[in-house]
Amino acid sequence: MKDEVSGAGSRIGVMVDHSPLAGYLNSIAETYRSGFLDSDPIGIVHGLRDGDDVEAGAFLASALALGRVATIREKTADLFLRFENRPAGFLRRSSRGTIEKSLRGFRHRFFGEDEFLDLVLHMKRILLKKGSLEAVWPGQVGFDEALDRFATEFSSPARPGRVSTIPLVSSPAAGSTCKRLLMFLRWMVRTGDGVDFGLWKTLSPSELVIPMDTHIFRISRLLGLTTRKTPNWKAAVEVTARLKEIDPDDPVRFDFALARIGIVQGCRAKYVARICGSCPLLPVCDAARHHKPQDAGSPLV
């Protein structure tokens, strides 16, 4: 038996009602919605208005998604300001010299202005030639291959004589989780919950793979969605396959909510009374299941 539950203006999804985990995932997906945009880089992208700028801005924000959320949001806002809060329009009309000047001094983690200049010059080339980033998504091939080809559009040096170091856009061919690129695709393909934009029609939500960051990997292990010890591409595919058993049409719809358990709830992958006591996933969490306070020789952490 399947049950389709409707929320405020959105389809919540097809749930397998015999799975206890399905019910808890459905619950947090309803709780952590657009009211939590200020805990995610996508909240900054929601400040853009034009669809082209949203697409370009989302791609830039996803490329910056390394490290602390607060810092990512600050850097995203900074980059948007440098591009006059019209990233697509700015790149289309600006010369390479103007773009280079706008990026002067910009840095995030181990990426500097040279890496970001290569990235946005590739974006400029695509926007002028194809009209959108969606237009270069390869059709008629499997998702893995399409993701690899799409990443290749942005990973080579964009200037003659420039030697590439670490590409801002990673590929599954190297075993990467491709977390940032998959996050961008989730933002572009999914819709209906006030979080994702649903601008792309090239892909369906059922084709997406979950963006595997440290929070998603940690919580996925606690929920028994994967037993892998390393957050790699295979782990992302495995977790997505498990989530497809719950919602075949939209398995990654749980991603935003699951990440909030780490970012907002503060999950540490072990039982911490002041954190776990209020966690909505407590009844299905492995850390809570194996915690035995009567055996503890010291107070709860």
C-alpha atoms as a PDB file:
ATOM      1  CA  MET A   1       0.000   0.000   0.000  1.00  0.00           C
ATOM      2  CA  LYS A   2       1.252   3.472  -0.879  1.00  0.00           C
ATOM      3  CA  ASP A   3       0.189   6.773   0.530  1.00  0.00           C
ATOM      4  CA  GLU A   4       0.625  10.169  -1.107  1.00  0.00           C
ATOM      5  CA  VAL A   5       0.537  13.053   1.326  1.00  0.00           C
ATOM      6  CA  SER A   6       0.095  16.637   0.216  1.00  0.00           C
ATOM      7  CA  GLY A   7       1.598  19.637   1.963  1.00  0.00           C
ATOM      8  CA  ALA A   8       1.340  23.387   1.477  1.00  0.00           C
ATOM      9  CA  GLY A   9       1.295  23.645  -2.277  1.00  0.00           C
ATOM     10  CA  SER A  10       3.596  20.668  -2.869  1.00  0.00           C
ATOM     11  CA  ARG A  11       3.604  16.938  -3.360  1.00  0.00           C
ATOM     12  CA  ILE A  12       5.322  15.399  -0.361  1.00  0.00           C
ATOM     13  CA  GLY A  13       5.938  12.084  -2.082  1.00  0.00           C
ATOM     14  CA  VAL A  14       5.111   8.434  -2.349  1.00  0.00           C
ATOM     15  CA  MET A  15       5.918   6.710   0.929  1.00  0.00           C
ATOM     16  CA  VAL A  16       6.268   3.008   1.645  1.00  0.00           C
ATOM     17  CA  ASP A  17       4.062   2.846   4.729  1.00  0.00           C
ATOM     18  CA  HIS A  18       5.566  -0.325   6.226  1.00  0.00           C
ATOM     19  CA  SER A  19       8.964   1.343   6.736  1.00  0.00           C
ATOM     20  CA  PRO A  20       9.366   3.177  10.061  1.00  0.00           C
ATOM     21  CA  LEU A  21      12.239   5.187   8.554  1.00  0.00           C
ATOM     22  CA  ALA A  22       9.986   6.444   5.762  1.00  0.00           C
ATOM     23  CA  GLY A  23       7.647   8.076   8.228  1.00  0.00           C
ATOM     24  CA  TYR A  24      10.436   9.846  10.085  1.00  0.00           C
ATOM     25  CA  LEU A  25      12.056  11.063   6.870  1.00  0.00           C
ATOM     26  CA  ASN A  26       8.702  12.337   5.678  1.00  0.00           C
ATOM     27  CA  SER A  27       8.280  14.197   8.954  1.00  0.00           C
ATOM     28  CA  ILE A  28      11.615  16.020   8.814  1.00  0.00           C
ATOM     29  CA  ALA A  29      11.078  16.823   5.122  1.00  0.00           C
ATOM     30  CA  GLU A  30       7.923  18.648   6.207  1.00  0.00           C
ATOM     31  CA  THR A  31       9.686  20.407   9.089  1.00  0.00           C
ATOM     32  CA  TYR A  32      12.855  21.621   7.384  1.00  0.00           C
ATOM     33  CA  ARG A  33      11.601  23.581   4.411  1.00  0.00           C
ATOM     34  CA  SER A  34      11.837  27.167   3.187  1.00  0.00           C
ATOM     35  CA  GLY A  35      11.809  28.513   6.736  1.00  0.00           C
ATOM     36  CA  PHE A  36      15.397  27.269   7.061  1.00  0.00           C
ATOM     37  CA  LEU A  37      16.873  28.918   3.961  1.00  0.00           C
ATOM     38  CA  ASP A  38      19.072  31.073   6.195  1.00  0.00           C
ATOM     39  CA  SER A  39      21.001  27.921   7.168  1.00  0.00           C
ATOM     40  CA  ASP A  40      22.010  27.096   3.594  1.00  0.00           C
ATOM     41  CA  PRO A  41      23.832  28.776   0.655  1.00  0.00           C
ATOM     42  CA  ILE A  42      20.683  28.466  -1.450  1.00  0.00           C
ATOM     43  CA  GLY A  43      19.131  31.156   0.737  1.00  0.00           C
ATOM     44  CA  ILE A  44      21.486  33.721  -0.839  1.00  0.00           C
ATOM     45  CA  VAL A  45      20.518  32.549  -4.332  1.00  0.00           C
ATOM     46  CA  HIS A  46      16.859  33.165  -3.485  1.00  0.00           C
ATOM     47  CA  GLY A  47      17.734  36.866  -3.375  1.00  0.00           C
ATOM     48  CA  LEU A  48      18.249  36.873  -7.164  1.00  0.00           C
ATOM     49  CA  ARG A  49      15.290  37.605  -9.412  1.00  0.00           C
ATOM     50  CA  ASP A  50      15.855  36.647 -13.048  1.00  0.00           C
ATOM     51  CA  GLY A  51      15.874  32.950 -13.957  1.00  0.00           C
ATOM     52  CA  ASP A  52      19.169  33.200 -15.844  1.00  0.00           C
ATOM     53  CA  ASP A  53      20.783  34.890 -12.878  1.00  0.00           C
ATOM     54  CA  VAL A  54      19.370  32.268 -10.515  1.00  0.00           C
ATOM     55  CA  GLU A  55      20.895  29.486 -12.618  1.00  0.00           C
ATOM     56  CA  ALA A  56      24.294  31.201 -12.832  1.00  0.00           C
ATOM     57  CA  GLY A  57      24.167  32.269  -9.181  1.00  0.00           C
ATOM     58  CA  ALA A  58      23.250  28.758  -8.036  1.00  0.00           C
ATOM     59  CA  PHE A  59      26.199  27.332  -9.961  1.00  0.00           C
ATOM     60  CA  LEU A  60      28.568  29.821  -8.333  1.00  0.00           C
ATOM     61  CA  ALA A  61      27.099  29.209  -4.869  1.00  0.00           C
ATOM     62  CA  SER A  62      27.479  25.458  -5.289  1.00  0.00           C
ATOM     63  CA  ALA A  63      31.103  25.884  -6.362  1.00  0.00           C
ATOM     64  CA  LEU A  64      31.705  27.779  -3.100  1.00  0.00           C
ATOM     65  CA  ALA A  65      30.033  25.113  -0.942  1.00  0.00           C
ATOM     66  CA  LEU A  66      33.114  24.083   1.032  1.00  0.00           C
ATOM     67  CA  GLY A  67      33.487  24.561   4.770  1.00  0.00           C
ATOM     68  CA  ARG A  68      31.230  26.357   7.228  1.00  0.00           C
ATOM     69  CA  VAL A  69      27.797  27.381   5.977  1.00  0.00           C
ATOM     70  CA  ALA A  70      28.133  30.907   7.378  1.00  0.00           C
ATOM     71  CA  THR A  71      31.375  31.449   5.467  1.00  0.00           C
ATOM     72  CA  ILE A  72      29.934  29.976   2.263  1.00  0.00           C
ATOM     73  CA  ARG A  73      26.979  32.340   2.500  1.00  0.00           C
ATOM     74  CA  GLU A  74      29.282  35.318   3.098  1.00  0.00           C
ATOM     75  CA  LYS A  75      31.461  34.416   0.125  1.00  0.00           C
ATOM     76  CA  THR A  76      28.432  33.833  -2.092  1.00  0.00           C
ATOM     77  CA  ALA A  77      26.985  37.224  -1.203  1.00  0.00           C
ATOM     78  CA  ASP A  78      30.389  38.826  -1.827  1.00  0.00           C
ATOM     79  CA  LEU A  79      30.705  37.189  -5.251  1.00  0.00           C
ATOM     80  CA  PHE A  80      27.180  38.205  -6.242  1.00  0.00           C
ATOM     81  CA  LEU A  81      27.934  41.789  -5.235  1.00  0.00           C
ATOM     82  CA  ARG A  82      31.068  41.770  -7.395  1.00  0.00           C
ATOM     83  CA  PHE A  83      28.816  40.703 -10.276  1.00  0.00           C
ATOM     84  CA  GLU A  84      26.266  43.456  -9.497  1.00  0.00           C
ATOM     85  CA  ASN A  85      23.789  40.833  -8.215  1.00  0.00           C
ATOM     86  CA  ARG A  86      23.184  39.864 -11.845  1.00  0.00           C
ATOM     87  CA  PRO A  87      25.718  37.071 -12.380  1.00  0.00           C
ATOM     88  CA  ALA A  88      24.458  35.865 -15.781  1.00  0.00           C
ATOM     89  CA  GLY A  89      23.883  39.365 -17.119  1.00  0.00           C
ATOM     90  CA  PHE A  90      27.211  40.601 -15.802  1.00  0.00           C
ATOM     91  CA  LEU A  91      29.158  37.737 -17.375  1.00  0.00           C
ATOM     92  CA  ARG A  92      27.398  38.118 -20.718  1.00  0.00           C
ATOM     93  CA  ARG A  93      28.075  41.821 -21.131  1.00  0.00           C
ATOM     94  CA  SER A  94      31.464  42.162 -19.416  1.00  0.00           C
ATOM     95  CA  SER A  95      34.887  41.842 -21.013  1.00  0.00           C
ATOM     96  CA  ARG A  96      37.458  39.436 -19.670  1.00  0.00           C
ATOM     97  CA  GLY A  97      39.349  42.399 -18.223  1.00  0.00           C
ATOM     98  CA  THR A  98      36.266  43.642 -16.372  1.00  0.00           C
ATOM     99  CA  ILE A  99      35.538  40.181 -15.008  1.00  0.00           C
ATOM    100  CA  GLU A 100      39.162  39.752 -13.948  1.00  0.00           C
ATOM    101  CA  LYS A 101      39.064  43.088 -12.149  1.00  0.00           C
ATOM    102  CA  SER A 102      35.819  42.172 -10.378  1.00  0.00           C
ATOM    103  CA  LEU A 103      37.439  39.014  -8.962  1.00  0.00           C
ATOM    104  CA  ARG A 104      40.576  40.737  -7.712  1.00  0.00           C
ATOM    105  CA  GLY A 105      41.377  39.554  -4.182  1.00  0.00           C
ATOM    106  CA  PHE A 106      38.563  36.985  -4.106  1.00  0.00           C
ATOM    107  CA  ARG A 107      39.466  33.740  -2.369  1.00  0.00           C
ATOM    108  CA  HIS A 108      37.684  30.859  -0.680  1.00  0.00           C
ATOM    109  CA  ARG A 109      39.476  28.019   1.045  1.00  0.00           C
ATOM    110  CA  PHE A 110      42.201  26.772  -1.312  1.00  0.00           C
ATOM    111  CA  PHE A 111      40.705  28.423  -4.415  1.00  0.00           C
ATOM    112  CA  GLY A 112      41.847  31.890  -5.453  1.00  0.00           C
ATOM    113  CA  GLU A 113      40.889  34.421  -8.090  1.00  0.00           C
ATOM    114  CA  ASP A 114      42.640  32.461 -10.866  1.00  0.00           C
ATOM    115  CA  GLU A 115      40.479  29.379 -10.326  1.00  0.00           C
ATOM    116  CA  PHE A 116      37.297  31.444 -10.134  1.00  0.00           C
ATOM    117  CA  LEU A 117      38.279  33.399 -13.240  1.00  0.00           C
ATOM    118  CA  ASP A 118      38.640  30.134 -15.185  1.00  0.00           C
ATOM    119  CA  LEU A 119      35.250  29.002 -13.917  1.00  0.00           C
ATOM    120  CA  VAL A 120      33.348  32.161 -14.823  1.00  0.00           C
ATOM    121  CA  LEU A 121      35.053  32.459 -18.219  1.00  0.00           C
ATOM    122  CA  HIS A 122      33.742  28.983 -19.008  1.00  0.00           C
ATOM    123  CA  MET A 123      30.329  30.140 -17.808  1.00  0.00           C
ATOM    124  CA  LYS A 124      30.543  33.226 -20.022  1.00  0.00           C
ATOM    125  CA  ARG A 125      31.471  31.094 -23.054  1.00  0.00           C
ATOM    126  CA  ILE A 126      28.517  28.764 -22.461  1.00  0.00           C
ATOM    127  CA  LEU A 127      26.024  31.551 -21.785  1.00  0.00           C
ATOM    128  CA  LEU A 128      26.988  33.392 -24.973  1.00  0.00           C
ATOM    129  CA  LYS A 129      27.106  30.274 -27.161  1.00  0.00           C
ATOM    130  CA  LYS A 130      24.301  28.157 -25.707  1.00  0.00           C
ATOM    131  CA  GLY A 131      22.176  30.592 -23.731  1.00  0.00           C
ATOM    132  CA  SER A 132      22.159  28.647 -20.466  1.00  0.00           C
ATOM    133  CA  LEU A 133      24.121  26.118 -18.441  1.00  0.00           C
ATOM    134  CA  GLU A 134      21.299  23.629 -18.884  1.00  0.00           C
ATOM    135  CA  ALA A 135      21.940  23.643 -22.636  1.00  0.00           C
ATOM    136  CA  VAL A 136      25.267  21.833 -22.210  1.00  0.00           C
ATOM    137  CA  TRP A 137      23.863  19.001 -20.080  1.00  0.00           C
ATOM    138  CA  PRO A 138      24.411  15.883 -22.268  1.00  0.00           C
ATOM    139  CA  GLY A 139      21.300  13.975 -23.236  1.00  0.00           C
ATOM    140  CA  GLN A 140      20.850  10.350 -24.272  1.00  0.00           C
ATOM    141  CA  VAL A 141      23.551   9.047 -21.908  1.00  0.00           C
ATOM    142  CA  GLY A 142      23.541   7.678 -18.377  1.00  0.00           C
ATOM    143  CA  PHE A 143      23.582  10.052 -15.435  1.00  0.00           C
ATOM    144  CA  ASP A 144      27.179   9.263 -14.441  1.00  0.00           C
ATOM    145  CA  GLU A 145      28.505   9.905 -17.932  1.00  0.00           C
ATOM    146  CA  ALA A 146      26.407  13.043 -18.332  1.00  0.00           C
ATOM    147  CA  LEU A 147      27.711  14.385 -15.014  1.00  0.00           C
ATOM    148  CA  ASP A 148      31.286  13.661 -16.091  1.00  0.00           C
ATOM    149  CA  ARG A 149      30.816  15.423 -19.438  1.00  0.00           C
ATOM    150  CA  PHE A 150      29.124  18.383 -17.792  1.00  0.00           C
ATOM    151  CA  ALA A 151      31.971  18.726 -15.272  1.00  0.00           C
ATOM    152  CA  THR A 152      34.515  18.625 -18.095  1.00  0.00           C
ATOM    153  CA  GLU A 153      32.967  21.798 -19.543  1.00  0.00           C
ATOM    154  CA  PHE A 154      34.315  23.690 -16.512  1.00  0.00           C
ATOM    155  CA  SER A 155      37.427  21.811 -15.410  1.00  0.00           C
ATOM    156  CA  SER A 156      40.000  22.802 -18.022  1.00  0.00           C
ATOM    157  CA  PRO A 157      41.978  26.089 -18.032  1.00  0.00           C
ATOM    158  CA  ALA A 158      39.957  28.794 -19.754  1.00  0.00           C
ATOM    159  CA  ARG A 159      42.991  30.890 -20.726  1.00  0.00           C
ATOM    160  CA  PRO A 160      45.885  30.032 -23.062  1.00  0.00           C
ATOM    161  CA  GLY A 161      49.027  29.061 -21.190  1.00  0.00           C
ATOM    162  CA  ARG A 162      47.248  28.602 -17.882  1.00  0.00           C
ATOM    163  CA  VAL A 163      48.140  25.396 -16.051  1.00  0.00           C
ATOM    164  CA  SER A 164      45.140  24.020 -14.171  1.00  0.00           C
ATOM    165  CA  THR A 165      45.572  23.107 -10.512  1.00  0.00           C
ATOM    166  CA  ILE A 166      42.517  21.795  -8.640  1.00  0.00           C
ATOM    167  CA  PRO A 167      39.285  22.162 -10.643  1.00  0.00           C
ATOM    168  CA  LEU A 168      36.371  23.833  -8.926  1.00  0.00           C
ATOM    169  CA  VAL A 169      34.011  21.318 -10.528  1.00  0.00           C
ATOM    170  CA  SER A 170      34.767  17.656  -9.774  1.00  0.00           C
ATOM    171  CA  SER A 171      33.785  14.512 -11.685  1.00  0.00           C
ATOM    172  CA  PRO A 172      32.522  11.070 -10.606  1.00  0.00           C
ATOM    173  CA  ALA A 173      35.149   9.517 -12.893  1.00  0.00           C
ATOM    174  CA  ALA A 174      37.718  10.276 -10.190  1.00  0.00           C
ATOM    175  CA  GLY A 175      35.526   8.773  -7.455  1.00  0.00           C
ATOM    176  CA  SER A 176      34.505  12.162  -6.080  1.00  0.00           C
ATOM    177  CA  THR A 177      31.127  12.493  -4.397  1.00  0.00           C
ATOM    178  CA  CYS A 178      30.579  15.522  -6.672  1.00  0.00           C
ATOM    179  CA  LYS A 179      28.673  17.007  -3.745  1.00  0.00           C
ATOM    180  CA  ARG A 180      28.713  20.582  -5.006  1.00  0.00           C
ATOM    181  CA  LEU A 181      27.674  19.726  -8.550  1.00  0.00           C
ATOM    182  CA  LEU A 182      24.929  17.403  -7.329  1.00  0.00           C
ATOM    183  CA  MET A 183      23.729  20.158  -5.005  1.00  0.00           C
ATOM    184  CA  PHE A 184      23.483  22.505  -7.979  1.00  0.00           C
ATOM    185  CA  LEU A 185      21.473  19.923  -9.924  1.00  0.00           C
ATOM    186  CA  ARG A 186      19.115  19.404  -6.991  1.00  0.00           C
ATOM    187  CA  TRP A 187      18.521  23.145  -6.826  1.00  0.00           C
ATOM    188  CA  MET A 188      17.843  23.324 -10.584  1.00  0.00           C
ATOM    189  CA  VAL A 189      15.728  20.180 -11.051  1.00  0.00           C
ATOM    190  CA  ARG A 190      13.574  19.835  -7.937  1.00  0.00           C
ATOM    191  CA  THR A 191      10.701  22.174  -7.120  1.00  0.00           C
ATOM    192  CA  GLY A 192       7.573  22.531  -5.012  1.00  0.00           C
ATOM    193  CA  ASP A 193       8.918  22.977  -1.489  1.00  0.00           C
ATOM    194  CA  GLY A 194      10.122  26.580  -1.534  1.00  0.00           C
ATOM    195  CA  VAL A 195      13.751  25.424  -1.347  1.00  0.00           C
ATOM    196  CA  ASP A 196      14.728  24.242  -4.844  1.00  0.00           C
ATOM    197  CA  PHE A 197      14.008  26.218  -8.007  1.00  0.00           C
ATOM    198  CA  GLY A 198      12.960  23.633 -10.620  1.00  0.00           C
ATOM    199  CA  LEU A 199      14.296  25.677 -13.543  1.00  0.00           C
ATOM    200  CA  TRP A 200      15.706  22.753 -15.508  1.00  0.00           C
ATOM    201  CA  LYS A 201      13.489  20.453 -17.541  1.00  0.00           C
ATOM    202  CA  THR A 202      16.317  18.341 -18.981  1.00  0.00           C
ATOM    203  CA  LEU A 203      16.366  16.026 -15.961  1.00  0.00           C
ATOM    204  CA  SER A 204      13.715  14.567 -13.704  1.00  0.00           C
ATOM    205  CA  PRO A 205      14.107  14.393  -9.904  1.00  0.00           C
ATOM    206  CA  SER A 206      14.146  10.584 -10.119  1.00  0.00           C
ATOM    207  CA  GLU A 207      17.514  10.717 -11.925  1.00  0.00           C
ATOM    208  CA  LEU A 208      19.329  12.749  -9.273  1.00  0.00           C
ATOM    209  CA  VAL A 209      21.954  11.453  -6.845  1.00  0.00           C
ATOM    210  CA  ILE A 210      22.111  12.834  -3.305  1.00  0.00           C
ATOM    211  CA  PRO A 211      24.826  15.440  -2.596  1.00  0.00           C
ATOM    212  CA  MET A 212      27.062  13.557  -0.150  1.00  0.00           C
ATOM    213  CA  ASP A 213      28.557  16.044   2.311  1.00  0.00           C
ATOM    214  CA  THR A 214      29.882  15.220   5.786  1.00  0.00           C
ATOM    215  CA  HIS A 215      26.462  15.735   7.378  1.00  0.00           C
ATOM    216  CA  ILE A 216      24.609  13.523   4.909  1.00  0.00           C
ATOM    217  CA  PHE A 217      27.247  10.792   5.135  1.00  0.00           C
ATOM    218  CA  ARG A 218      27.293  10.797   8.944  1.00  0.00           C
ATOM    219  CA  ILE A 219      23.520  10.749   9.270  1.00  0.00           C
ATOM    220  CA  SER A 220      23.087   8.189   6.486  1.00  0.00           C
ATOM    221  CA  ARG A 221      25.323   5.796   8.413  1.00  0.00           C
ATOM    222  CA  LEU A 222      23.356   6.411  11.604  1.00  0.00           C
ATOM    223  CA  LEU A 223      20.112   5.607   9.767  1.00  0.00           C
ATOM    224  CA  GLY A 224      21.510   2.490   8.124  1.00  0.00           C
ATOM    225  CA  LEU A 225      21.305   3.936   4.609  1.00  0.00           C
ATOM    226  CA  THR A 226      24.925   2.957   3.973  1.00  0.00           C
ATOM    227  CA  THR A 227      27.602   0.913   5.711  1.00  0.00           C
ATOM    228  CA  ARG A 228      30.468   2.413   3.722  1.00  0.00           C
ATOM    229  CA  LYS A 229      33.251   3.987   5.731  1.00  0.00           C
ATOM    230  CA  THR A 230      34.248   6.596   3.158  1.00  0.00           C
ATOM    231  CA  PRO A 231      32.033   9.355   1.694  1.00  0.00           C
ATOM    232  CA  ASN A 232      32.637   8.679  -1.995  1.00  0.00           C
ATOM    233  CA  TRP A 233      30.621   8.376  -5.194  1.00  0.00           C
ATOM    234  CA  LYS A 234      29.609   4.786  -4.422  1.00  0.00           C
ATOM    235  CA  ALA A 235      28.284   5.856  -1.027  1.00  0.00           C
ATOM    236  CA  ALA A 236      26.200   8.621  -2.636  1.00  0.00           C
ATOM    237  CA  VAL A 237      24.736   6.169  -5.142  1.00  0.00           C
ATOM    238  CA  GLU A 238      24.034   3.612  -2.404  1.00  0.00           C
ATOM    239  CA  VAL A 239      22.217   6.114  -0.180  1.00  0.00           C
ATOM    240  CA  THR A 240      20.207   7.360  -3.157  1.00  0.00           C
ATOM    241  CA  ALA A 241      19.188   3.783  -3.980  1.00  0.00           C
ATOM    242  CA  ARG A 242      17.932   3.287  -0.429  1.00  0.00           C
ATOM    243  CA  LEU A 243      15.986   6.545  -0.559  1.00  0.00           C
ATOM    244  CA  LYS A 244      14.474   5.453  -3.880  1.00  0.00           C
ATOM    245  CA  GLU A 245      12.864   2.575  -2.029  1.00  0.00           C
ATOM    246  CA  ILE A 246      10.954   5.236  -0.097  1.00  0.00           C
ATOM    247  CA  ASP A 247      10.335   7.709  -2.918  1.00  0.00           C
ATOM    248  CA  PRO A 248      11.204   6.382  -6.411  1.00  0.00           C
ATOM    249  CA  ASP A 249      10.168   9.624  -8.096  1.00  0.00           C
ATOM    250  CA  ASP A 250      12.132  12.047  -5.914  1.00  0.00           C
ATOM    251  CA  PRO A 251      14.740  10.326  -3.708  1.00  0.00           C
ATOM    252  CA  VAL A 252      16.843  13.411  -2.978  1.00  0.00           C
ATOM    253  CA  ARG A 253      13.932  15.422  -1.590  1.00  0.00           C
ATOM    254  CA  PHE A 254      15.162  14.393   1.871  1.00  0.00           C
ATOM    255  CA  ASP A 255      18.605  15.956   1.330  1.00  0.00           C
ATOM    256  CA  PHE A 256      17.860  19.456   2.628  1.00  0.00           C
ATOM    257  CA  ALA A 257      16.128  18.128   5.749  1.00  0.00           C
ATOM    258  CA  LEU A 258      18.801  15.531   6.524  1.00  0.00           C
ATOM    259  CA  ALA A 259      21.515  18.181   6.258  1.00  0.00           C
ATOM    260  CA  ARG A 260      19.594  20.363   8.763  1.00  0.00           C
ATOM    261  CA  ILE A 261      19.900  17.536  11.314  1.00  0.00           C
ATOM    262  CA  GLY A 262      23.622  18.197  11.170  1.00  0.00           C
ATOM    263  CA  ILE A 263      23.693  21.947  10.565  1.00  0.00           C
ATOM    264  CA  VAL A 264      20.738  23.039  12.711  1.00  0.00           C
ATOM    265  CA  GLN A 265      20.208  20.142  15.111  1.00  0.00           C
ATOM    266  CA  GLY A 266      23.966  19.712  15.621  1.00  0.00           C
ATOM    267  CA  CYS A 267      24.269  15.928  15.146  1.00  0.00           C
ATOM    268  CA  ARG A 268      27.704  14.622  16.185  1.00  0.00           C
ATOM    269  CA  ALA A 269      27.284  10.977  15.174  1.00  0.00           C
ATOM    270  CA  LYS A 270      27.241   9.904  18.809  1.00  0.00           C
ATOM    271  CA  TYR A 271      24.702  10.154  21.606  1.00  0.00           C
ATOM    272  CA  VAL A 272      24.769  13.593  23.213  1.00  0.00           C
ATOM    273  CA  ALA A 273      21.792  14.048  25.537  1.00  0.00           C
ATOM    274  CA  ARG A 274      21.245  17.781  25.017  1.00  0.00           C
ATOM    275  CA  ILE A 275      21.316  17.321  21.219  1.00  0.00           C
ATOM    276  CA  CYS A 276      19.808  13.899  20.680  1.00  0.00           C
ATOM    277  CA  GLY A 277      16.959  14.342  23.146  1.00  0.00           C
ATOM    278  CA  SER A 278      15.141  16.692  20.771  1.00  0.00           C
ATOM    279  CA  CYS A 279      16.211  15.055  17.497  1.00  0.00           C
ATOM    280  CA  PRO A 280      13.227  13.995  15.356  1.00  0.00           C
ATOM    281  CA  LEU A 281      15.219  10.993  14.077  1.00  0.00           C
ATOM    282  CA  LEU A 282      16.053   9.670  17.543  1.00  0.00           C
ATOM    283  CA  PRO A 283      13.794   6.559  17.333  1.00  0.00           C
ATOM    284  CA  VAL A 284      15.539   5.318  14.156  1.00  0.00           C
ATOM    285  CA  CYS A 285      19.094   6.438  14.961  1.00  0.00           C
ATOM    286  CA  ASP A 286      21.810   3.821  15.460  1.00  0.00           C
ATOM    287  CA  ALA A 287      23.693   5.974  17.985  1.00  0.00           C
ATOM    288  CA  ALA A 288      20.612   6.235  20.204  1.00  0.00           C
ATOM    289  CA  ARG A 289      19.783   2.558  19.741  1.00  0.00           C
ATOM    290  CA  HIS A 290      23.164   1.455  21.084  1.00  0.00           C
ATOM    291  CA  HIS A 291      23.376   4.001  23.879  1.00  0.00           C
ATOM    292  CA  LYS A 292      22.925   2.372  27.295  1.00  0.00           C
ATOM    293  CA  PRO A 293      22.962   5.029  30.017  1.00  0.00           C
ATOM    294  CA  GLN A 294      22.801   2.392  32.766  1.00  0.00           C
ATOM    295  CA  ASP A 295      26.173   1.047  31.590  1.00  0.00           C
ATOM    296  CA  ALA A 296      27.874   4.416  31.350  1.00  0.00           C
ATOM    297  CA  GLY A 297      30.585   5.111  33.876  1.00  0.00           C
ATOM    298  CA  SER A 298      30.291   8.867  33.434  1.00  0.00           C
ATOM    299  CA  PRO A 299      27.513  11.404  32.893  1.00  0.00           C
ATOM    300  CA  LEU A 300      26.119  11.853  29.424  1.00  0.00           C
ATOM    301  CA  VAL A 301      28.146  14.235  27.258  1.00  0.00           C
END
